[in-house]
Protein backbone atom coordinates (compact mmCIF):
# COMPACT_ATOMS: atom_id res chain seq x y z
CA UNK A 1 -79.02 108.91 -42.20
CA UNK A 2 -77.27 107.62 -39.17
CA UNK A 3 -76.69 104.07 -40.58
CA UNK A 4 -74.98 105.27 -43.76
CA UNK A 5 -72.84 107.55 -41.71
CA UNK A 6 -71.66 104.53 -39.65
CA UNK A 7 -70.81 102.37 -42.68
CA UNK A 8 -68.98 105.16 -44.27
CA UNK A 9 -66.97 105.63 -41.14
CA UNK A 10 -65.46 101.93 -41.38
CA UNK A 11 -63.00 101.67 -44.22
CA UNK A 12 -62.82 98.16 -45.90
CA UNK A 13 -59.88 96.84 -47.93
CA UNK A 14 -60.80 96.10 -51.48
CA UNK A 15 -58.87 93.52 -53.56
CA UNK A 16 -58.51 93.24 -57.19
CA UNK A 17 -60.04 90.24 -59.00
CA UNK A 18 -56.56 88.98 -59.76
CA UNK A 19 -55.79 88.82 -56.08
CA UNK A 20 -58.92 86.88 -55.53
CA UNK A 21 -58.05 84.37 -58.27
CA UNK A 22 -54.51 84.12 -56.99
CA UNK A 23 -55.72 83.41 -53.48
CA UNK A 24 -58.02 80.68 -54.69
CA UNK A 25 -55.24 79.14 -56.74
CA UNK A 26 -52.86 79.18 -53.76
CA UNK A 27 -55.43 77.51 -51.52
CA UNK A 28 -56.02 74.79 -54.06
CA UNK A 29 -52.34 74.32 -54.77
CA UNK A 30 -51.41 74.14 -51.08
CA UNK A 31 -54.20 71.72 -50.31
CA UNK A 32 -53.13 69.49 -53.20
CA UNK A 33 -49.47 69.63 -52.10
CA UNK A 34 -50.33 68.80 -48.53
CA UNK A 35 -52.57 65.95 -49.66
CA UNK A 36 -49.73 64.60 -51.80
CA UNK A 37 -47.32 64.82 -48.86
CA UNK A 38 -49.82 63.14 -46.59
CA UNK A 39 -50.35 60.40 -49.16
CA UNK A 40 -46.61 59.86 -49.48
CA UNK A 41 -46.33 59.76 -45.70
CA UNK A 42 -49.09 57.20 -45.52
CA UNK A 43 -47.39 55.05 -48.12
CA UNK A 44 -44.03 55.35 -46.40
CA UNK A 45 -45.65 54.57 -43.06
CA UNK A 46 -47.35 51.54 -44.52
CA UNK A 47 -44.09 50.34 -46.01
CA UNK A 48 -42.25 51.01 -42.77
CA UNK A 49 -44.92 49.25 -40.76
CA UNK A 50 -44.68 46.21 -42.98
CA UNK A 51 -40.89 46.29 -42.88
CA UNK A 52 -40.75 46.61 -39.07
CA UNK A 53 -43.34 43.89 -38.62
CA UNK A 54 -41.29 41.59 -40.82
CA UNK A 55 -38.01 42.52 -39.15
CA UNK A 56 -39.50 42.06 -35.69
CA UNK A 57 -41.13 38.77 -36.60
CA UNK A 58 -38.01 37.43 -38.31
CA UNK A 59 -35.87 38.75 -35.46
CA UNK A 60 -38.04 36.88 -32.95
CA UNK A 61 -37.97 33.76 -35.16
CA UNK A 62 -34.20 33.94 -35.66
CA UNK A 63 -33.54 34.36 -31.95
CA UNK A 64 -35.96 31.55 -31.13
CA UNK A 65 -33.97 29.41 -33.57
CA UNK A 66 -30.71 30.58 -31.96
CA UNK A 67 -32.11 29.69 -28.54
CA UNK A 68 -33.12 26.28 -29.87
CA UNK A 69 -29.64 25.73 -31.32
CA UNK A 70 -28.11 26.89 -28.06
CA UNK A 71 -30.33 24.49 -26.13
CA UNK A 72 -29.16 21.70 -28.44
CA UNK A 73 -25.50 22.63 -27.78
CA UNK A 74 -26.12 22.70 -24.05
CA UNK A 75 -27.95 19.38 -24.21
CA UNK A 76 -25.07 17.76 -26.11
CA UNK A 77 -22.61 18.93 -23.51
CA UNK A 78 -25.00 17.88 -20.75
CA UNK A 79 -25.14 14.37 -22.19
CA UNK A 80 -21.35 14.32 -22.51
CA UNK A 81 -20.88 15.59 -18.96
CA UNK A 82 -23.50 13.19 -17.60
CA UNK A 83 -21.72 10.24 -19.24
CA UNK A 84 -18.34 11.47 -17.98
CA UNK A 85 -19.82 11.98 -14.51
CA UNK A 86 -21.28 8.46 -14.54
CA UNK A 87 -17.91 7.06 -15.69
CA UNK A 88 -16.18 9.06 -12.96
CA UNK A 89 -18.58 7.73 -10.33
CA UNK A 90 -17.97 4.19 -11.57
CA UNK A 91 -14.21 4.72 -11.49
CA UNK A 92 -14.42 6.19 -7.98
CA UNK A 93 -16.37 3.13 -6.88
CA UNK A 94 -13.83 0.77 -8.47
CA UNK A 95 -10.91 2.65 -6.93
CA UNK A 96 -12.59 2.60 -3.51
CA UNK A 97 -13.03 -1.18 -3.86
CA UNK A 98 -9.37 -1.62 -4.88
CA UNK A 99 -8.27 0.73 -2.09
CA UNK A 100 -10.26 -1.39 0.33
CA UNK A 101 -8.60 -4.50 -1.13
CA UNK A 102 -5.18 -2.94 -0.58
CA UNK A 103 -6.09 -1.92 2.97
CA UNK A 104 -7.35 -5.39 3.77
CA UNK A 105 -4.26 -6.91 2.17
CA UNK A 106 -2.21 -4.60 4.38
CA UNK A 107 -4.24 -5.64 7.40
CA UNK A 108 -3.80 -9.29 6.45
CA UNK A 109 -0.03 -8.87 6.81
CA UNK A 110 -0.46 -8.39 10.55
CA UNK A 111 -0.58 -12.16 11.17
CA UNK A 112 2.60 -13.00 9.17
CA UNK A 113 4.36 -10.11 10.88
CA UNK A 114 3.23 -11.28 14.32
CA UNK A 115 4.31 -14.83 13.52
CA UNK A 116 7.70 -13.70 12.19
CA UNK A 117 8.23 -11.43 15.23
CA UNK A 118 7.20 -14.25 17.56
CA UNK A 119 9.64 -16.59 15.83
CA UNK A 120 12.43 -14.04 16.18
CA UNK A 121 11.54 -13.60 19.85
CA UNK A 122 11.55 -17.37 20.36
CA UNK A 123 14.89 -17.74 18.63
CA UNK A 124 16.30 -14.95 20.78
CA UNK A 125 15.98 -17.52 23.56
CA UNK A 126 18.94 -19.42 22.09
CA UNK A 127 22.05 -19.23 24.25
CA UNK A 128 25.77 -18.93 23.79
CA UNK A 129 27.20 -20.64 20.69
CA UNK A 130 23.72 -21.41 19.31
CA UNK A 131 23.00 -17.71 18.81
CA UNK A 132 23.83 -17.97 15.11
CA UNK A 133 22.82 -15.61 12.32
CA UNK A 134 21.72 -18.51 10.16
CA UNK A 135 19.43 -18.54 7.14
CA UNK A 136 16.46 -19.27 9.36
CA UNK A 137 16.95 -15.83 10.91
CA UNK A 138 17.67 -14.06 7.64
CA UNK A 139 17.16 -16.19 4.53
CA UNK A 140 18.20 -14.86 1.15
CA UNK A 141 15.33 -12.87 -0.40
CA UNK A 142 15.59 -11.07 -3.73
CA UNK A 143 19.34 -11.61 -3.77
CA UNK A 144 19.76 -9.99 -0.34
CA UNK A 145 20.03 -11.40 3.15
CA UNK A 146 16.80 -10.11 4.68
CA UNK A 147 14.86 -11.27 7.68
CA UNK A 148 11.25 -12.23 7.21
CA UNK A 149 10.26 -9.22 9.32
CA UNK A 150 12.21 -6.94 6.96
CA UNK A 151 10.47 -8.49 3.95
CA UNK A 152 7.03 -8.14 5.52
CA UNK A 153 7.78 -4.55 6.54
CA UNK A 154 8.82 -3.84 2.94
CA UNK A 155 5.60 -5.45 1.71
CA UNK A 156 3.58 -3.34 4.14
CA UNK A 157 5.39 -0.21 2.99
CA UNK A 158 4.59 -1.06 -0.65
CA UNK A 159 0.92 -1.67 0.14
CA UNK A 160 0.71 1.44 2.32
CA UNK A 161 2.18 3.47 -0.54
CA UNK A 162 -0.55 2.15 -2.86
CA UNK A 163 -3.22 2.94 -0.26
CA UNK A 164 -1.88 6.49 0.07
CA UNK A 165 -1.75 6.88 -3.72
CA UNK A 166 -5.31 5.56 -3.97
CA UNK A 167 -6.45 8.07 -1.34
CA UNK A 168 -4.78 10.92 -3.22
CA UNK A 169 -6.24 9.73 -6.52
CA UNK A 170 -9.69 9.51 -4.94
CA UNK A 171 -9.32 13.12 -3.83
CA UNK A 172 -8.39 14.13 -7.40
CA UNK A 173 -11.32 12.14 -8.81
CA UNK A 174 -13.69 13.70 -6.29
CA UNK A 175 -12.40 17.16 -7.23
CA UNK A 176 -12.87 16.44 -10.94
CA UNK A 177 -16.31 15.04 -10.17
CA UNK A 178 -17.28 18.18 -8.28
CA UNK A 179 -16.25 20.31 -11.23
CA UNK A 180 -18.25 18.07 -13.57
CA UNK A 181 -21.28 18.18 -11.27
CA UNK A 182 -21.05 21.97 -10.92
CA UNK A 183 -20.71 22.39 -14.69
CA UNK A 184 -23.63 20.00 -15.22
CA UNK A 185 -25.78 21.91 -12.73
CA UNK A 186 -24.93 25.19 -14.45
CA UNK A 187 -25.80 23.74 -17.84
CA UNK A 188 -29.05 22.29 -16.53
CA UNK A 189 -29.98 25.67 -15.11
CA UNK A 190 -28.91 27.46 -18.29
CA UNK A 191 -30.93 25.00 -20.38
CA UNK A 192 -33.98 25.67 -18.22
CA UNK A 193 -33.56 29.43 -18.59
CA UNK A 194 -33.05 29.22 -22.38
CA UNK A 195 -35.99 26.80 -22.71
CA UNK A 196 -38.16 29.21 -20.78
CA UNK A 197 -36.97 32.08 -22.98
CA UNK A 198 -37.63 30.04 -26.10
CA UNK A 199 -41.19 29.30 -24.99
CA UNK A 200 -41.98 32.96 -24.30
CA UNK A 201 -44.11 34.74 -26.92
CA UNK A 202 -45.52 38.20 -27.45
CA UNK A 203 -48.70 37.02 -25.81
CA UNK A 204 -47.00 35.70 -22.68
CA UNK A 205 -48.31 37.41 -19.55
CA UNK A 206 -44.93 37.73 -17.82
CA UNK A 207 -43.11 39.83 -20.44
CA UNK A 208 -42.34 43.46 -19.66
CA UNK A 209 -39.90 46.21 -20.42
CA UNK A 210 -36.59 45.86 -18.64
CA UNK A 211 -34.09 48.55 -17.59
CA UNK A 212 -30.90 48.47 -19.65
CA UNK A 213 -31.46 44.99 -21.06
CA UNK A 214 -28.68 45.29 -23.64
CA UNK A 215 -25.92 45.62 -21.06
CA UNK A 216 -23.11 43.03 -21.05
CA UNK A 217 -23.49 41.04 -17.79
CA UNK A 218 -20.47 40.96 -15.52
CA UNK A 219 -18.53 37.73 -15.91
CA UNK A 220 -19.70 37.06 -19.44
CA UNK A 221 -17.46 34.80 -21.53
CA UNK A 222 -17.19 33.95 -25.19
CA UNK A 223 -18.73 30.77 -26.61
CA UNK A 224 -15.22 29.43 -27.17
CA UNK A 225 -14.36 30.00 -23.51
CA UNK A 226 -17.63 28.30 -22.53
CA UNK A 227 -16.84 25.27 -24.66
CA UNK A 228 -13.20 25.19 -23.53
CA UNK A 229 -14.34 25.17 -19.90
CA UNK A 230 -16.58 22.14 -20.38
CA UNK A 231 -13.97 20.38 -22.51
CA UNK A 232 -11.34 21.03 -19.82
CA UNK A 233 -13.61 19.51 -17.14
CA UNK A 234 -14.29 16.50 -19.35
CA UNK A 235 -10.63 16.03 -20.33
CA UNK A 236 -9.45 16.42 -16.75
CA UNK A 237 -11.95 13.85 -15.47
CA UNK A 238 -10.91 11.43 -18.23
CA UNK A 239 -7.23 12.00 -17.43
CA UNK A 240 -7.86 11.32 -13.73
CA UNK A 241 -9.81 8.20 -14.66
CA UNK A 242 -6.91 6.97 -16.78
CA UNK A 243 -4.56 7.63 -13.87
CA UNK A 244 -6.97 5.79 -11.58
CA UNK A 245 -7.10 2.81 -13.94
CA UNK A 246 -3.30 2.64 -14.05
CA UNK A 247 -3.21 2.91 -10.27
CA UNK A 248 -5.78 0.13 -9.88
CA UNK A 249 -3.69 -2.08 -12.15
CA UNK A 250 -0.65 -1.21 -10.04
CA UNK A 251 -2.59 -2.03 -6.85
CA UNK A 252 -3.57 -5.46 -8.18
CA UNK A 253 -0.03 -6.04 -9.38
CA UNK A 254 1.37 -4.99 -5.99
CA UNK A 255 -1.08 -7.21 -4.11
CA UNK A 256 -0.20 -10.19 -6.31
CA UNK A 257 3.52 -9.46 -6.13
CA UNK A 258 3.51 -8.96 -2.37
CA UNK A 259 1.47 -12.14 -1.88
CA UNK A 260 3.99 -14.04 -4.02
CA UNK A 261 6.92 -12.45 -2.18
CA UNK A 262 5.35 -13.26 1.18
CA UNK A 263 4.64 -16.84 0.17
CA UNK A 264 8.16 -17.25 -1.24
CA UNK A 265 9.60 -15.77 1.96
CA UNK A 266 7.43 -18.09 4.07
CA UNK A 267 8.61 -21.13 2.15
CA UNK A 268 12.24 -19.98 2.26
CA UNK A 269 12.04 -19.32 6.00
CA UNK A 270 10.36 -22.62 6.75
CA UNK A 271 12.84 -24.48 4.54
CA UNK A 272 15.69 -22.77 6.40
CA UNK A 273 14.05 -23.62 9.73
CA UNK A 274 13.59 -27.28 8.73
CA UNK A 275 17.19 -27.38 7.53
CA UNK A 276 18.35 -25.79 10.78
CA UNK A 277 16.23 -28.22 12.81
CA UNK A 278 17.78 -31.11 10.89
CA UNK A 279 21.26 -29.72 11.55
CA UNK A 280 20.37 -29.18 15.21
CA UNK A 281 19.03 -32.73 15.53
CA UNK A 282 22.24 -34.09 14.01
CA UNK A 283 24.28 -31.92 16.40
CA UNK A 284 22.14 -33.10 19.34
CA UNK A 285 22.52 -36.71 18.25
CA UNK A 286 26.26 -36.17 17.94
CA UNK A 287 26.36 -34.68 21.44
CA UNK A 288 24.36 -37.59 22.82
CA UNK A 289 26.66 -40.06 21.08
CA UNK A 290 29.72 -38.20 22.39
CA UNK A 291 28.15 -38.07 25.84
CA UNK A 292 27.50 -41.79 25.85
CA UNK A 293 31.01 -42.65 24.66
CA UNK A 294 32.58 -40.14 27.03
CA UNK A 295 30.63 -41.52 29.99
CA UNK A 296 31.70 -45.03 29.00
CA UNK A 297 35.29 -43.87 28.69
CA UNK A 298 35.11 -42.15 32.08
CA UNK A 299 33.77 -45.34 33.60
CA UNK A 300 36.57 -47.32 31.98
CA UNK A 301 39.12 -44.78 33.12
CA UNK A 302 37.82 -44.87 36.67
CA UNK A 303 38.11 -48.63 36.55
CA UNK A 304 41.61 -48.19 35.19
CA UNK A 305 42.40 -45.84 38.10
CA UNK A 306 41.11 -48.39 40.56
CA UNK A 307 43.18 -51.07 38.84
CA UNK A 308 46.27 -48.85 38.94
CA UNK A 309 45.71 -48.04 42.61
CA UNK A 310 45.29 -51.73 43.31
CA UNK A 311 48.42 -52.47 41.30
CA UNK A 312 50.37 -49.90 43.28
CA UNK A 313 48.98 -51.25 46.53
CA UNK A 314 49.79 -54.78 45.43
CA UNK A 315 53.43 -53.69 45.06
CA UNK A 316 53.70 -52.72 48.73
CA UNK A 317 54.07 -56.21 50.19
CA UNK A 318 56.57 -57.43 47.56
CA UNK A 319 58.54 -54.23 48.18
CA UNK A 320 58.31 -54.72 51.91
CA UNK A 321 59.42 -58.33 51.46
CA UNK A 322 62.44 -57.41 49.36
CA UNK A 323 63.42 -54.55 51.64
CA UNK A 324 62.96 -56.69 54.75
CA UNK A 325 65.14 -59.38 53.23
CA UNK A 326 67.82 -56.84 52.37
CA UNK A 327 67.60 -55.32 55.84
CA UNK A 328 67.77 -58.69 57.56
CA UNK A 329 70.76 -59.73 55.46
CA UNK A 330 72.67 -56.68 56.60
CA UNK A 331 72.93 -58.45 59.96
CA UNK A 332 74.97 -61.33 58.60
CA UNK A 333 78.19 -61.66 60.60
CA UNK A 334 81.68 -60.87 59.40
CA UNK A 335 82.66 -62.36 56.15
CA UNK A 336 79.15 -63.64 55.64
CA UNK A 337 78.17 -60.09 54.76
CA UNK A 338 78.75 -60.93 51.16
CA UNK A 339 77.38 -59.15 48.06
CA UNK A 340 76.24 -62.38 46.61
CA UNK A 341 73.67 -63.08 43.92
CA UNK A 342 70.75 -62.86 46.35
CA UNK A 343 72.04 -59.47 47.40
CA UNK A 344 72.14 -58.28 43.84
CA UNK A 345 68.84 -59.92 43.09
CA UNK A 346 67.10 -58.30 46.08
CA UNK A 347 68.56 -54.87 45.27
CA UNK A 348 67.41 -55.30 41.68
CA UNK A 349 64.00 -56.43 42.91
CA UNK A 350 63.65 -53.36 45.16
CA UNK A 351 64.68 -51.03 42.37
CA UNK A 352 62.43 -52.81 39.93
CA UNK A 353 59.44 -52.61 42.26
CA UNK A 354 60.13 -48.96 43.03
CA UNK A 355 60.42 -48.21 39.31
CA UNK A 356 57.18 -50.09 38.74
CA UNK A 357 55.47 -48.10 41.49
CA UNK A 358 56.78 -44.85 39.99
CA UNK A 359 55.57 -45.86 36.55
CA UNK A 360 52.22 -46.91 37.96
CA UNK A 361 51.93 -43.67 39.93
CA UNK A 362 52.79 -41.66 36.84
CA UNK A 363 50.26 -43.63 34.85
CA UNK A 364 47.78 -43.17 37.69
CA UNK A 365 48.30 -39.40 37.57
CA UNK A 366 47.84 -39.49 33.80
CA UNK A 367 44.66 -41.49 34.32
CA UNK A 368 43.39 -38.95 36.85
CA UNK A 369 44.21 -36.15 34.40
CA UNK A 370 42.48 -37.98 31.59
CA UNK A 371 39.45 -38.64 33.76
CA UNK A 372 39.30 -34.99 34.84
CA UNK A 373 39.63 -33.87 31.23
CA UNK A 374 36.90 -36.32 30.21
CA UNK A 375 34.63 -35.08 33.00
CA UNK A 376 35.22 -31.48 31.95
CA UNK A 377 34.51 -32.43 28.36
CA UNK A 378 31.42 -34.32 29.48
CA UNK A 379 30.29 -31.19 31.30
CA UNK A 380 30.82 -29.16 28.14
CA UNK A 381 28.99 -31.81 26.12
CA UNK A 382 26.09 -31.74 28.57
CA UNK A 383 26.00 -27.97 28.41
CA UNK A 384 26.07 -28.01 24.62
CA UNK A 385 23.43 -30.76 24.62
CA UNK A 386 21.20 -28.57 26.76
CA UNK A 387 21.82 -25.68 24.36
CA UNK A 388 20.96 -27.88 21.40
CA UNK A 389 17.83 -29.19 23.10
CA UNK A 390 16.80 -25.65 23.96
CA UNK A 391 17.48 -24.38 20.43
CA UNK A 392 15.77 -27.40 18.89
CA UNK A 393 12.75 -26.88 21.12
CA UNK A 394 12.60 -23.18 20.17
CA UNK A 395 12.86 -23.95 16.44
CA UNK A 396 10.13 -26.59 16.75
CA UNK A 397 7.97 -24.03 18.52
CA UNK A 398 8.68 -21.65 15.64
CA UNK A 399 7.50 -24.26 13.17
CA UNK A 400 4.38 -24.88 15.25
CA UNK A 401 3.75 -21.14 15.44
CA UNK A 402 4.14 -20.81 11.68
CA UNK A 403 1.30 -23.28 11.14
CA UNK A 404 -1.00 -20.32 11.83
CA UNK A 405 -0.03 -19.05 8.39
CA UNK A 406 -1.54 -22.09 6.70
CA UNK A 407 -3.98 -23.97 8.90
CA UNK A 408 -3.83 -22.25 12.25
CA UNK A 409 -6.76 -21.29 14.50
CA UNK A 410 -9.24 -18.77 13.14
CA UNK A 411 -8.62 -15.32 14.54
CA UNK A 412 -9.84 -11.84 13.65
CA UNK A 413 -6.82 -11.38 11.41
CA UNK A 414 -7.23 -14.71 9.62
CA UNK A 415 -10.93 -13.99 9.18
CA UNK A 416 -10.05 -10.68 7.56
CA UNK A 417 -7.52 -12.45 5.35
CA UNK A 418 -10.12 -15.04 4.28
CA UNK A 419 -12.71 -12.33 3.71
CA UNK A 420 -10.16 -10.35 1.69
CA UNK A 421 -9.41 -13.34 -0.52
CA UNK A 422 -13.15 -14.02 -1.02
CA UNK A 423 -13.88 -10.39 -1.91
CA UNK A 424 -10.93 -10.34 -4.26
CA UNK A 425 -12.14 -13.48 -6.05
CA UNK A 426 -15.66 -12.02 -6.35
CA UNK A 427 -14.30 -8.77 -7.71
CA UNK A 428 -12.12 -10.62 -10.23
CA UNK A 429 -15.10 -12.70 -11.40
CA UNK A 430 -17.25 -9.56 -11.80
CA UNK A 431 -14.54 -7.89 -13.83
CA UNK A 432 -14.33 -10.97 -16.06
CA UNK A 433 -18.09 -10.91 -16.62
CA UNK A 434 -18.03 -7.22 -17.48
CA UNK A 435 -15.29 -7.79 -20.03
């Protein structure tokens, strides 16, 4: 009784059979629809998985290929830069050798300059009329009257200019080389990084997620800028090498030209000195000849003076005799004091002797004057002869000093000159072998 009362007290919803069939149909329909959707999702997921696997794999392959191509590009430029760097190093070495040649050629001009200065100093010892601006002091060089010192100074200036230009060109070559070396180092490092990246795989242990990997790094440039940078470094180095080659040719040309100019100047100076020595010897010989003749003439004139004095003295007794006779005849008495022929003859004799004495005295004075003039001239000749001997001795010393330029004693300067010529010949022979 109590159990039925409890069941009756709980109302239960009752559905119609149609509701039950409808509910079953809905469950089946929904399950089928969801299974279809799940199947479609599985198919799409499978397709997407395949597509993403392919894209990822091809993306990795493509970028590995791009890295390989990039490595090839870098390697090509590395080879180009390495060759250019090697050429630059070779050109720097050649320019340093030629610069050293120019410096040693410049140093070798110290001896000719010392010799020329010593010759000028010696010739400054000439005195009075012999201080002549002759061709031995300033022979004609290059159409101008230039002293040997001026020519050598000009040669030194030309060589020093080439040395300075070589130093500046070496600085430019070193700068271009530094840019090449820096670019080469960067490319070597970049090649190493790209090679490492190329060798990485999905199984590599050192791969990991990175924060913001797709950012554009600061300082990034375009491939064209990258290529232009390397091409600029290469072109600049090649341009500096061409300038260096032209400069080296100019250095060799200057060395040859200055050597020729110096040798021509040496020959011209020594020819002028020999000519001047010949002229001086002729002038000295002329002075000696004039001295000898003048001394002989002075001796003859002194003998003439003695003869004139003796002639004048020899006229004293005849004059005394004539005068005494005239004086004694003045004492004749009276009409005997006659102006007879003896009187006229004695008067004429006195006058004649007195005239002779006057003429002899005048001639004696002229002889004294001539002798004094000859002695003064002899003094001048002796002075000029001493000047000529002094000048001739100085010019001969100059010629002896100038023998250092050809076969003089070996000094530090001449050793450097000989070493310079030897090095230059070796360098020329090496260049010929390379060509």
